[in-house]
Amino acid sequence: MKQKGKSIFLMSLVFLLLVYLVGDFLVNSSKEIIIQGFFTNDDYNFFPASELKKDYGSYLKIDDDKRINFEDGLYLELGSSKDYTTASSSKIMAYAASHELDFLVLPKDLMLHYITGFALENLEEYTDSSLESELFYGEDGNQEYKAVAINMKTSKFVNDDERGSEYYLIIPASSKRKAAVKTFLEYAFSIE
């Protein structure tokens, strides 16, 4: 009897999680978004979404930061079946599949995992030669060898943190706001 109750509870929890994800997607898809980026496993709070939205809105010279959608609350663990990890992973996959995810910032171990699952943009096309040493080359989900990620260590967010933290930005090929991502990278790395 206890096992049946536990199964019903877990199924209910998964159902509620799916309802939340669909609702979140519908709410966010009803407003015009300038850019949408997710920051995962931000243990050191390098990428505080609410502050970044305001600062990036000022950089773009817009008053309405509601059209900038950054999220820093996602957390992933490879091989984990924890509810929060499953929800975070599901949200990333849903937004990427619906062409609503413009970029994803994640630690190196997760970057190495995710680059093989997505068709990705070549980051050489988004950066100038000053960032060449920060580019990470590898094969994406289409087995195409290119600059699949950029190390954020010299960005205004991490700026050579002494803890040795490595976060990488990837751009799914399905992103429909590629010019906005290029502008975000110019902002993040103070490229003029």
C-alpha atoms as a PDB file:
ATOM      1  CA  MET A   1       0.000   0.000   0.000  1.00  0.00           C
ATOM      2  CA  LYS A   2       2.841   2.413   0.847  1.00  0.00           C
ATOM      3  CA  GLN A   3       4.504   1.755  -2.515  1.00  0.00           C
ATOM      4  CA  LYS A   4       1.288   2.574  -4.397  1.00  0.00           C
ATOM      5  CA  GLY A   5       0.904   5.828  -2.450  1.00  0.00           C
ATOM      6  CA  LYS A   6       4.502   6.770  -3.175  1.00  0.00           C
ATOM      7  CA  SER A   7       4.015   6.053  -6.901  1.00  0.00           C
ATOM      8  CA  ILE A   8       0.889   8.197  -7.020  1.00  0.00           C
ATOM      9  CA  PHE A   9       2.719  11.000  -5.218  1.00  0.00           C
ATOM     10  CA  LEU A  10       5.652  10.852  -7.660  1.00  0.00           C
ATOM     11  CA  MET A  11       3.337  10.781 -10.683  1.00  0.00           C
ATOM     12  CA  SER A  12       1.455  13.775  -9.281  1.00  0.00           C
ATOM     13  CA  LEU A  13       4.710  15.614  -8.710  1.00  0.00           C
ATOM     14  CA  VAL A  14       5.878  14.924 -12.284  1.00  0.00           C
ATOM     15  CA  PHE A  15       2.486  16.060 -13.611  1.00  0.00           C
ATOM     16  CA  LEU A  16       2.683  19.306 -11.628  1.00  0.00           C
ATOM     17  CA  LEU A  17       6.221  19.845 -12.890  1.00  0.00           C
ATOM     18  CA  LEU A  18       5.049  19.437 -16.484  1.00  0.00           C
ATOM     19  CA  VAL A  19       2.129  21.800 -15.919  1.00  0.00           C
ATOM     20  CA  TYR A  20       4.548  24.360 -14.482  1.00  0.00           C
ATOM     21  CA  LEU A  21       6.931  24.023 -17.439  1.00  0.00           C
ATOM     22  CA  VAL A  22       4.133  24.363 -19.990  1.00  0.00           C
ATOM     23  CA  GLY A  23       2.658  27.336 -18.108  1.00  0.00           C
ATOM     24  CA  ASP A  24       6.052  29.011 -17.829  1.00  0.00           C
ATOM     25  CA  PHE A  25       6.642  28.509 -21.532  1.00  0.00           C
ATOM     26  CA  LEU A  26       3.204  29.912 -22.475  1.00  0.00           C
ATOM     27  CA  VAL A  27       3.595  32.980 -20.263  1.00  0.00           C
ATOM     28  CA  ASN A  28       7.068  33.764 -21.563  1.00  0.00           C
ATOM     29  CA  SER A  29       6.183  33.078 -25.188  1.00  0.00           C
ATOM     30  CA  SER A  30       3.317  35.609 -25.057  1.00  0.00           C
ATOM     31  CA  LYS A  31       5.668  38.582 -24.667  1.00  0.00           C
ATOM     32  CA  GLU A  32       8.256  39.778 -27.120  1.00  0.00           C
ATOM     33  CA  ILE A  33      11.614  38.631 -25.868  1.00  0.00           C
ATOM     34  CA  ILE A  34      14.830  40.396 -26.866  1.00  0.00           C
ATOM     35  CA  ILE A  35      17.041  37.580 -25.564  1.00  0.00           C
ATOM     36  CA  GLN A  36      16.619  34.467 -23.452  1.00  0.00           C
ATOM     37  CA  GLY A  37      19.500  32.866 -21.619  1.00  0.00           C
ATOM     38  CA  PHE A  38      19.828  30.299 -18.869  1.00  0.00           C
ATOM     39  CA  PHE A  39      22.643  30.140 -16.325  1.00  0.00           C
ATOM     40  CA  THR A  40      23.019  26.750 -14.616  1.00  0.00           C
ATOM     41  CA  ASN A  41      24.748  25.619 -11.438  1.00  0.00           C
ATOM     42  CA  ASP A  42      25.766  29.156 -10.520  1.00  0.00           C
ATOM     43  CA  ASP A  43      27.162  28.163  -7.128  1.00  0.00           C
ATOM     44  CA  TYR A  44      29.159  31.392  -6.752  1.00  0.00           C
ATOM     45  CA  ASN A  45      26.394  33.738  -7.970  1.00  0.00           C
ATOM     46  CA  PHE A  46      28.451  35.002 -10.904  1.00  0.00           C
ATOM     47  CA  PHE A  47      25.296  35.414 -12.981  1.00  0.00           C
ATOM     48  CA  PRO A  48      22.518  36.912 -10.811  1.00  0.00           C
ATOM     49  CA  ALA A  49      19.675  37.054 -13.334  1.00  0.00           C
ATOM     50  CA  SER A  50      17.730  39.982 -11.871  1.00  0.00           C
ATOM     51  CA  GLU A  51      20.834  42.195 -11.675  1.00  0.00           C
ATOM     52  CA  LEU A  52      21.989  41.127 -15.135  1.00  0.00           C
ATOM     53  CA  LYS A  53      18.594  41.979 -16.618  1.00  0.00           C
ATOM     54  CA  LYS A  54      18.776  45.524 -15.252  1.00  0.00           C
ATOM     55  CA  ASP A  55      22.409  46.083 -16.204  1.00  0.00           C
ATOM     56  CA  TYR A  56      21.953  44.605 -19.671  1.00  0.00           C
ATOM     57  CA  GLY A  57      18.781  46.685 -20.135  1.00  0.00           C
ATOM     58  CA  SER A  58      20.834  49.808 -19.315  1.00  0.00           C
ATOM     59  CA  TYR A  59      23.517  48.687 -21.769  1.00  0.00           C
ATOM     60  CA  LEU A  60      20.839  48.326 -24.480  1.00  0.00           C
ATOM     61  CA  LYS A  61      19.269  51.626 -23.358  1.00  0.00           C
ATOM     62  CA  ILE A  62      15.815  50.134 -22.823  1.00  0.00           C
ATOM     63  CA  ASP A  63      13.564  50.792 -19.859  1.00  0.00           C
ATOM     64  CA  ASP A  64      11.629  47.539 -19.941  1.00  0.00           C
ATOM     65  CA  ASP A  65      13.853  44.721 -18.701  1.00  0.00           C
ATOM     66  CA  LYS A  66      10.862  42.348 -18.853  1.00  0.00           C
ATOM     67  CA  ARG A  67      11.773  41.596 -22.453  1.00  0.00           C
ATOM     68  CA  ILE A  68      15.152  40.291 -21.331  1.00  0.00           C
ATOM     69  CA  ASN A  69      14.658  36.809 -19.942  1.00  0.00           C
ATOM     70  CA  PHE A  70      17.592  35.491 -17.928  1.00  0.00           C
ATOM     71  CA  GLU A  71      17.227  32.643 -15.470  1.00  0.00           C
ATOM     72  CA  ASP A  72      19.820  31.592 -12.922  1.00  0.00           C
ATOM     73  CA  GLY A  73      17.870  29.033 -10.889  1.00  0.00           C
ATOM     74  CA  LEU A  74      18.523  25.933 -12.967  1.00  0.00           C
ATOM     75  CA  TYR A  75      20.626  23.163 -11.478  1.00  0.00           C
ATOM     76  CA  LEU A  76      21.829  20.014 -13.218  1.00  0.00           C
ATOM     77  CA  GLU A  77      23.692  16.916 -12.079  1.00  0.00           C
ATOM     78  CA  LEU A  78      24.857  14.379 -14.648  1.00  0.00           C
ATOM     79  CA  GLY A  79      23.227  11.006 -14.094  1.00  0.00           C
ATOM     80  CA  SER A  80      20.900  12.317 -11.403  1.00  0.00           C
ATOM     81  CA  SER A  81      17.190  11.616 -11.306  1.00  0.00           C
ATOM     82  CA  LYS A  82      16.468  14.230  -8.647  1.00  0.00           C
ATOM     83  CA  ASP A  83      13.267  16.136  -9.369  1.00  0.00           C
ATOM     84  CA  TYR A  84      14.953  19.536  -9.579  1.00  0.00           C
ATOM     85  CA  THR A  85      17.605  18.258 -11.999  1.00  0.00           C
ATOM     86  CA  THR A  86      14.930  16.590 -14.122  1.00  0.00           C
ATOM     87  CA  ALA A  87      12.872  19.795 -14.180  1.00  0.00           C
ATOM     88  CA  SER A  88      15.901  21.943 -15.065  1.00  0.00           C
ATOM     89  CA  SER A  89      16.966  19.586 -17.841  1.00  0.00           C
ATOM     90  CA  SER A  90      13.413  19.393 -19.172  1.00  0.00           C
ATOM     91  CA  LYS A  91      13.148  23.173 -19.249  1.00  0.00           C
ATOM     92  CA  ILE A  92      16.397  23.508 -21.205  1.00  0.00           C
ATOM     93  CA  MET A  93      15.318  20.862 -23.702  1.00  0.00           C
ATOM     94  CA  ALA A  94      11.819  22.332 -24.104  1.00  0.00           C
ATOM     95  CA  TYR A  95      13.084  25.859 -24.700  1.00  0.00           C
ATOM     96  CA  ALA A  96      15.772  24.672 -27.121  1.00  0.00           C
ATOM     97  CA  ALA A  97      13.277  22.522 -29.042  1.00  0.00           C
ATOM     98  CA  SER A  98      10.850  25.441 -29.340  1.00  0.00           C
ATOM     99  CA  HIS A  99      13.654  27.752 -30.603  1.00  0.00           C
ATOM    100  CA  GLU A 100      13.298  29.980 -27.539  1.00  0.00           C
ATOM    101  CA  LEU A 101      16.682  29.365 -25.896  1.00  0.00           C
ATOM    102  CA  ASP A 102      19.315  31.785 -27.164  1.00  0.00           C
ATOM    103  CA  PHE A 103      22.235  30.740 -24.982  1.00  0.00           C
ATOM    104  CA  LEU A 104      23.128  28.513 -22.090  1.00  0.00           C
ATOM    105  CA  VAL A 105      25.923  29.078 -19.549  1.00  0.00           C
ATOM    106  CA  LEU A 106      27.108  26.052 -17.615  1.00  0.00           C
ATOM    107  CA  PRO A 107      30.132  24.594 -15.830  1.00  0.00           C
ATOM    108  CA  LYS A 108      32.716  22.736 -17.909  1.00  0.00           C
ATOM    109  CA  ASP A 109      31.550  19.196 -17.069  1.00  0.00           C
ATOM    110  CA  LEU A 110      28.003  20.019 -18.113  1.00  0.00           C
ATOM    111  CA  MET A 111      29.202  21.903 -21.194  1.00  0.00           C
ATOM    112  CA  LEU A 112      31.103  18.798 -22.318  1.00  0.00           C
ATOM    113  CA  HIS A 113      27.891  16.802 -21.935  1.00  0.00           C
ATOM    114  CA  TYR A 114      25.527  19.278 -23.607  1.00  0.00           C
ATOM    115  CA  ILE A 115      27.665  20.091 -26.655  1.00  0.00           C
ATOM    116  CA  THR A 116      27.153  16.543 -27.919  1.00  0.00           C
ATOM    117  CA  GLY A 117      23.373  16.808 -27.643  1.00  0.00           C
ATOM    118  CA  PHE A 118      22.763  20.070 -29.519  1.00  0.00           C
ATOM    119  CA  ALA A 119      23.504  21.419 -32.935  1.00  0.00           C
ATOM    120  CA  LEU A 120      25.467  24.520 -31.975  1.00  0.00           C
ATOM    121  CA  GLU A 121      26.510  27.802 -33.509  1.00  0.00           C
ATOM    122  CA  ASN A 122      30.167  28.360 -34.360  1.00  0.00           C
ATOM    123  CA  LEU A 123      31.279  30.945 -31.810  1.00  0.00           C
ATOM    124  CA  GLU A 124      34.046  32.189 -34.098  1.00  0.00           C
ATOM    125  CA  GLU A 125      31.225  34.014 -35.907  1.00  0.00           C
ATOM    126  CA  TYR A 126      30.139  35.767 -32.698  1.00  0.00           C
ATOM    127  CA  THR A 127      33.471  36.978 -31.352  1.00  0.00           C
ATOM    128  CA  ASP A 128      36.515  38.871 -32.497  1.00  0.00           C
ATOM    129  CA  SER A 129      40.160  37.782 -32.397  1.00  0.00           C
ATOM    130  CA  SER A 130      40.614  39.159 -28.850  1.00  0.00           C
ATOM    131  CA  LEU A 131      38.604  36.200 -27.525  1.00  0.00           C
ATOM    132  CA  GLU A 132      40.218  33.503 -29.645  1.00  0.00           C
ATOM    133  CA  SER A 133      42.013  31.994 -26.628  1.00  0.00           C
ATOM    134  CA  GLU A 134      38.682  31.627 -24.784  1.00  0.00           C
ATOM    135  CA  LEU A 135      37.019  29.520 -27.483  1.00  0.00           C
ATOM    136  CA  PHE A 136      36.519  25.811 -26.863  1.00  0.00           C
ATOM    137  CA  TYR A 137      36.607  23.589 -29.948  1.00  0.00           C
ATOM    138  CA  GLY A 138      34.823  20.275 -30.260  1.00  0.00           C
ATOM    139  CA  GLU A 139      32.119  18.370 -32.077  1.00  0.00           C
ATOM    140  CA  ASP A 140      28.528  19.404 -31.578  1.00  0.00           C
ATOM    141  CA  GLY A 141      25.433  17.209 -31.801  1.00  0.00           C
ATOM    142  CA  ASN A 142      25.761  17.136 -35.606  1.00  0.00           C
ATOM    143  CA  GLN A 143      29.375  15.895 -35.329  1.00  0.00           C
ATOM    144  CA  GLU A 144      30.636  19.198 -36.770  1.00  0.00           C
ATOM    145  CA  TYR A 145      33.978  20.354 -35.376  1.00  0.00           C
ATOM    146  CA  LYS A 146      33.947  24.074 -34.518  1.00  0.00           C
ATOM    147  CA  ALA A 147      34.157  26.597 -31.683  1.00  0.00           C
ATOM    148  CA  VAL A 148      31.221  25.199 -29.710  1.00  0.00           C
ATOM    149  CA  ALA A 149      31.673  27.209 -26.499  1.00  0.00           C
ATOM    150  CA  ILE A 150      33.365  30.224 -24.996  1.00  0.00           C
ATOM    151  CA  ASN A 151      34.963  30.272 -21.568  1.00  0.00           C
ATOM    152  CA  MET A 152      33.428  33.036 -19.450  1.00  0.00           C
ATOM    153  CA  LYS A 153      36.496  33.453 -17.196  1.00  0.00           C
ATOM    154  CA  THR A 154      37.442  36.843 -18.692  1.00  0.00           C
ATOM    155  CA  SER A 155      33.873  38.095 -18.911  1.00  0.00           C
ATOM    156  CA  LYS A 156      32.697  40.920 -16.672  1.00  0.00           C
ATOM    157  CA  PHE A 157      30.851  38.320 -14.587  1.00  0.00           C
ATOM    158  CA  VAL A 158      33.620  35.890 -13.628  1.00  0.00           C
ATOM    159  CA  ASN A 159      36.696  38.023 -14.418  1.00  0.00           C
ATOM    160  CA  ASP A 160      39.402  35.471 -13.583  1.00  0.00           C
ATOM    161  CA  ASP A 161      37.921  34.386 -10.270  1.00  0.00           C
ATOM    162  CA  GLU A 162      40.623  32.772  -8.141  1.00  0.00           C
ATOM    163  CA  ARG A 163      38.522  29.687  -7.370  1.00  0.00           C
ATOM    164  CA  GLY A 164      39.255  28.354 -10.852  1.00  0.00           C
ATOM    165  CA  SER A 165      35.586  28.286 -11.776  1.00  0.00           C
ATOM    166  CA  GLU A 166      34.986  27.573 -15.419  1.00  0.00           C
ATOM    167  CA  TYR A 167      31.661  28.453 -16.978  1.00  0.00           C
ATOM    168  CA  TYR A 168      31.048  28.217 -20.710  1.00  0.00           C
ATOM    169  CA  LEU A 169      28.468  29.782 -22.970  1.00  0.00           C
ATOM    170  CA  ILE A 170      26.961  27.756 -25.819  1.00  0.00           C
ATOM    171  CA  ILE A 171      24.477  28.888 -28.465  1.00  0.00           C
ATOM    172  CA  PRO A 172      22.002  26.317 -29.781  1.00  0.00           C
ATOM    173  CA  ALA A 173      21.695  26.467 -33.571  1.00  0.00           C
ATOM    174  CA  SER A 174      17.930  26.673 -33.000  1.00  0.00           C
ATOM    175  CA  SER A 175      18.259  30.148 -31.430  1.00  0.00           C
ATOM    176  CA  LYS A 176      16.161  32.638 -33.375  1.00  0.00           C
ATOM    177  CA  ARG A 177      17.778  35.752 -31.853  1.00  0.00           C
ATOM    178  CA  LYS A 178      21.379  35.264 -32.933  1.00  0.00           C
ATOM    179  CA  ALA A 179      22.100  38.994 -33.387  1.00  0.00           C
ATOM    180  CA  ALA A 180      20.955  39.545 -29.798  1.00  0.00           C
ATOM    181  CA  VAL A 181      23.373  36.875 -28.577  1.00  0.00           C
ATOM    182  CA  LYS A 182      26.233  38.574 -30.418  1.00  0.00           C
ATOM    183  CA  THR A 183      25.309  41.842 -28.685  1.00  0.00           C
ATOM    184  CA  PHE A 184      25.174  40.028 -25.333  1.00  0.00           C
ATOM    185  CA  LEU A 185      28.697  38.672 -25.895  1.00  0.00           C
ATOM    186  CA  GLU A 186      29.934  42.172 -26.736  1.00  0.00           C
ATOM    187  CA  TYR A 187      28.412  43.342 -23.437  1.00  0.00           C
ATOM    188  CA  ALA A 188      29.761  40.363 -21.448  1.00  0.00           C
ATOM    189  CA  PHE A 189      33.320  40.741 -22.718  1.00  0.00           C
ATOM    190  CA  SER A 190      33.308  44.560 -23.101  1.00  0.00           C
ATOM    191  CA  ILE A 191      34.003  44.336 -26.839  1.00  0.00           C
ATOM    192  CA  GLU A 192      33.788  47.697 -28.600  1.00  0.00           C
END
